[in-house]
Amino acid sequence: MTSRVLLVSPAMSASLRQARFDDGGSLDDSGAARARAAAGSLPAAVRVLASPSVRCRETAAALGLDGVPVPELAGLDVGRWRGRSLEEVGAVEPEAVGRWLTDPACAPHGGESVEDLCERVTRWLADAQGVEGRTLAVVEPEVVRAAVVAALGLPTPVFWRLDVTPLAVTELSGRGGRWNLRLGRPPVAPEVH
């Protein structure tokens, strides 16, 4: 049995545009328009899921999907840094930010570590491999990163080397405890001007 997982990152929001840790805000107008323009462009799936964040649920809805929020697919819990930019946090807590960016087991913000996120997503992927057919999930960029790290058995520090653009699609196919990563799928829709 082959399982397929398509991970779609959320459309643009003010938080993403300002490089802020998710603050629970909505998509911005251009992000919502771009997601609506992509409605119908994704293949059918046996199940459609979403990170519980507002921007992921709104992206799913704009894509015409009825995504079921799944707690295991939540973005990284950054504790007291939520809603702040990395630059703002770095100005106040430079040593903490430095440790966080170099040690995947570190969580100076009081939330969860990158290592914890990767372990959570690894467990979810193991369960997803038991689902025949395609799973489509609109998830936070850090969940996409964690899934790629898990699927390819990469060292956790690689997490920071993976860039995920808005509305990008990452495709994994798995069988027998092994995942493959399909590269080269374009973002869901072209830019809306």
Protein backbone atom coordinates (compact mmCIF):
# COMPACT_ATOMS: atom_id res chain seq x y z
CA MET A 1 0.00 0.00 0.00
CA THR A 2 1.32 3.44 -0.94
CA SER A 3 0.35 6.48 1.09
CA ARG A 4 0.64 9.96 -0.34
CA VAL A 5 0.77 13.13 1.71
CA LEU A 6 0.52 16.57 0.13
CA LEU A 7 1.48 19.36 2.52
CA VAL A 8 0.35 22.84 1.50
CA SER A 9 1.80 25.82 3.34
CA PRO A 10 -0.54 28.68 4.28
CA ALA A 11 -1.10 31.70 2.07
CA MET A 12 0.49 35.02 2.97
CA SER A 13 -0.55 36.71 6.20
CA ALA A 14 0.68 39.79 8.03
CA SER A 15 2.69 37.54 10.39
CA LEU A 16 4.46 35.81 7.52
CA ARG A 17 5.06 39.09 5.69
CA GLN A 18 6.59 40.66 8.82
CA ALA A 19 8.57 37.52 9.75
CA ARG A 20 6.67 37.21 13.03
CA PHE A 21 5.99 34.07 14.98
CA ASP A 22 2.34 33.19 14.32
CA ASP A 23 0.08 35.55 16.23
CA GLY A 24 -3.23 33.91 15.34
CA GLY A 25 -3.97 36.51 12.67
CA SER A 26 -5.86 36.06 9.43
CA LEU A 27 -4.59 35.88 5.87
CA ASP A 28 -3.96 39.23 4.26
CA ASP A 29 -5.99 40.24 1.19
CA SER A 30 -3.38 39.17 -1.35
CA GLY A 31 -2.85 35.81 0.38
CA ALA A 32 -6.57 35.09 0.46
CA ALA A 33 -6.94 36.09 -3.22
CA ARG A 34 -4.03 33.89 -4.26
CA ALA A 35 -5.47 30.92 -2.36
CA ARG A 36 -8.94 31.46 -3.91
CA ALA A 37 -7.31 31.60 -7.37
CA ALA A 38 -5.80 28.16 -6.68
CA ALA A 39 -9.09 26.55 -5.64
CA GLY A 40 -9.59 23.32 -7.56
CA SER A 41 -5.92 22.99 -8.51
CA LEU A 42 -5.04 20.26 -6.01
CA PRO A 43 -5.72 16.56 -6.60
CA ALA A 44 -8.55 14.80 -4.78
CA ALA A 45 -7.72 13.31 -1.39
CA VAL A 46 -9.24 10.64 0.84
CA ARG A 47 -8.81 13.02 3.77
CA VAL A 48 -8.20 16.74 4.13
CA LEU A 49 -6.56 18.07 7.28
CA ALA A 50 -5.21 21.37 8.58
CA SER A 51 -3.04 22.82 11.28
CA PRO A 52 -5.42 24.38 13.82
CA SER A 53 -4.06 27.91 13.21
CA VAL A 54 -6.32 30.59 11.77
CA ARG A 55 -4.14 31.10 8.69
CA CYS A 56 -4.11 27.39 7.83
CA ARG A 57 -7.85 26.99 8.31
CA GLU A 58 -8.49 30.12 6.22
CA THR A 59 -6.11 28.90 3.51
CA ALA A 60 -7.91 25.56 3.37
CA ALA A 61 -11.28 27.30 3.10
CA ALA A 62 -10.02 29.67 0.37
CA LEU A 63 -8.72 26.64 -1.54
CA GLY A 64 -12.25 25.20 -1.35
CA LEU A 65 -11.22 22.50 1.12
CA ASP A 66 -13.00 21.42 4.28
CA GLY A 67 -9.85 20.78 6.33
CA VAL A 68 -10.28 19.04 9.66
CA PRO A 69 -8.01 20.71 12.28
CA VAL A 70 -5.55 18.19 13.74
CA PRO A 71 -3.64 19.12 16.93
CA GLU A 72 -0.65 16.95 15.93
CA LEU A 73 -0.18 19.23 12.91
CA ALA A 74 -0.06 22.44 14.95
CA GLY A 75 2.83 24.80 14.34
CA LEU A 76 5.78 25.06 16.69
CA ASP A 77 4.73 26.35 20.11
CA VAL A 78 7.07 29.30 20.65
CA GLY A 79 5.69 30.20 24.07
CA ARG A 80 6.24 33.82 25.06
CA TRP A 81 7.71 34.69 21.63
CA ARG A 82 4.33 34.26 19.93
CA GLY A 83 3.43 37.30 17.82
CA ARG A 84 6.92 38.82 18.04
CA SER A 85 9.48 38.96 15.25
CA LEU A 86 12.78 37.14 15.48
CA GLU A 87 14.47 40.55 15.25
CA GLU A 88 12.50 41.86 18.26
CA VAL A 89 13.24 38.77 20.32
CA GLY A 90 16.89 38.83 19.27
CA ALA A 91 17.24 42.42 20.48
CA VAL A 92 15.98 41.49 23.96
CA GLU A 93 17.19 37.88 24.27
CA PRO A 94 20.14 37.48 21.89
CA GLU A 95 21.70 34.55 23.76
CA ALA A 96 18.38 32.69 23.93
CA VAL A 97 17.78 33.16 20.20
CA GLY A 98 21.31 32.00 19.44
CA ARG A 99 20.82 28.82 21.48
CA TRP A 100 17.41 28.20 19.91
CA LEU A 101 18.78 28.51 16.37
CA THR A 102 21.73 26.18 17.02
CA ASP A 103 20.36 23.60 19.47
CA PRO A 104 17.22 21.76 18.26
CA ALA A 105 16.58 20.50 21.81
CA CYS A 106 16.48 24.04 23.24
CA ALA A 107 13.22 25.90 23.99
CA PRO A 108 14.15 29.13 25.78
CA HIS A 109 10.76 30.65 24.92
CA GLY A 110 8.98 28.19 27.21
CA GLY A 111 7.22 26.39 24.36
CA GLU A 112 8.34 23.32 22.47
CA SER A 113 11.74 22.62 20.96
CA VAL A 114 12.33 21.98 17.26
CA GLU A 115 13.30 18.44 18.28
CA ASP A 116 9.91 18.00 20.00
CA LEU A 117 8.11 19.31 16.91
CA CYS A 118 10.04 16.91 14.66
CA GLU A 119 9.19 13.98 16.95
CA ARG A 120 5.49 14.94 16.96
CA VAL A 121 5.39 15.19 13.16
CA THR A 122 7.34 11.91 12.84
CA ARG A 123 4.63 10.15 14.89
CA TRP A 124 1.92 11.71 12.71
CA LEU A 125 3.70 10.58 9.53
CA ALA A 126 3.92 7.03 10.88
CA ASP A 127 0.14 7.06 11.34
CA ALA A 128 -0.36 8.67 7.90
CA GLN A 129 1.53 5.82 6.30
CA GLY A 130 -1.32 3.55 7.35
CA VAL A 131 -3.82 5.54 5.25
CA GLU A 132 -4.25 4.25 1.73
CA GLY A 133 -4.63 7.00 -0.81
CA ARG A 134 -3.85 10.69 -0.61
CA THR A 135 -3.90 12.91 2.46
CA LEU A 136 -3.91 16.64 1.80
CA ALA A 137 -2.97 18.87 4.73
CA VAL A 138 -2.68 22.65 4.94
CA VAL A 139 0.03 23.08 7.56
CA GLU A 140 2.40 25.63 9.01
CA PRO A 141 5.80 26.00 7.28
CA GLU A 142 7.59 24.51 10.28
CA VAL A 143 5.41 21.39 10.05
CA VAL A 144 6.50 21.02 6.40
CA ARG A 145 10.13 21.35 7.50
CA ALA A 146 9.67 18.78 10.26
CA ALA A 147 7.96 16.36 7.85
CA VAL A 148 10.83 16.59 5.36
CA VAL A 149 13.39 16.06 8.15
CA ALA A 150 11.42 13.03 9.37
CA ALA A 151 10.67 11.54 5.95
CA LEU A 152 14.27 11.64 4.81
CA GLY A 153 15.81 10.78 8.18
CA LEU A 154 17.79 14.02 8.17
CA PRO A 155 19.58 15.37 11.23
CA THR A 156 17.31 17.78 13.09
CA PRO A 157 19.59 20.86 12.56
CA VAL A 158 18.72 20.65 8.83
CA PHE A 159 15.28 21.98 9.86
CA TRP A 160 16.66 25.55 9.71
CA ARG A 161 18.04 25.05 6.20
CA LEU A 162 14.64 24.36 4.60
CA ASP A 163 12.64 27.27 3.19
CA VAL A 164 8.90 26.94 2.66
CA THR A 165 7.13 29.59 0.58
CA PRO A 166 3.43 30.48 0.90
CA LEU A 167 1.11 28.04 -0.88
CA ALA A 168 3.97 25.69 -1.74
CA VAL A 169 3.10 22.01 -2.10
CA THR A 170 5.42 19.36 -0.66
CA GLU A 171 4.62 15.81 -1.68
CA LEU A 172 5.62 12.67 0.21
CA SER A 173 4.86 9.10 -0.81
CA GLY A 174 5.42 6.24 1.57
CA ARG A 175 5.40 2.49 1.66
CA GLY A 176 6.88 -0.05 4.03
CA GLY A 177 8.18 2.44 6.58
CA ARG A 178 10.00 4.55 3.98
CA TRP A 179 9.08 7.94 2.53
CA ASN A 180 10.10 9.57 -0.74
CA LEU A 181 10.07 13.32 -1.32
CA ARG A 182 8.83 14.61 -4.66
CA LEU A 183 10.54 17.86 -5.60
CA GLY A 184 9.61 20.39 -8.24
CA ARG A 185 5.87 20.82 -7.74
CA PRO A 186 5.15 24.54 -8.20
CA PRO A 187 3.21 26.58 -5.66
CA VAL A 188 -0.51 26.07 -5.82
CA ALA A 189 -1.22 29.20 -7.88
CA PRO A 190 0.64 31.93 -9.73
CA GLU A 191 0.98 35.39 -8.19
CA VAL A 192 -2.16 37.52 -8.28
CA HIS A 193 -1.42 41.13 -9.22
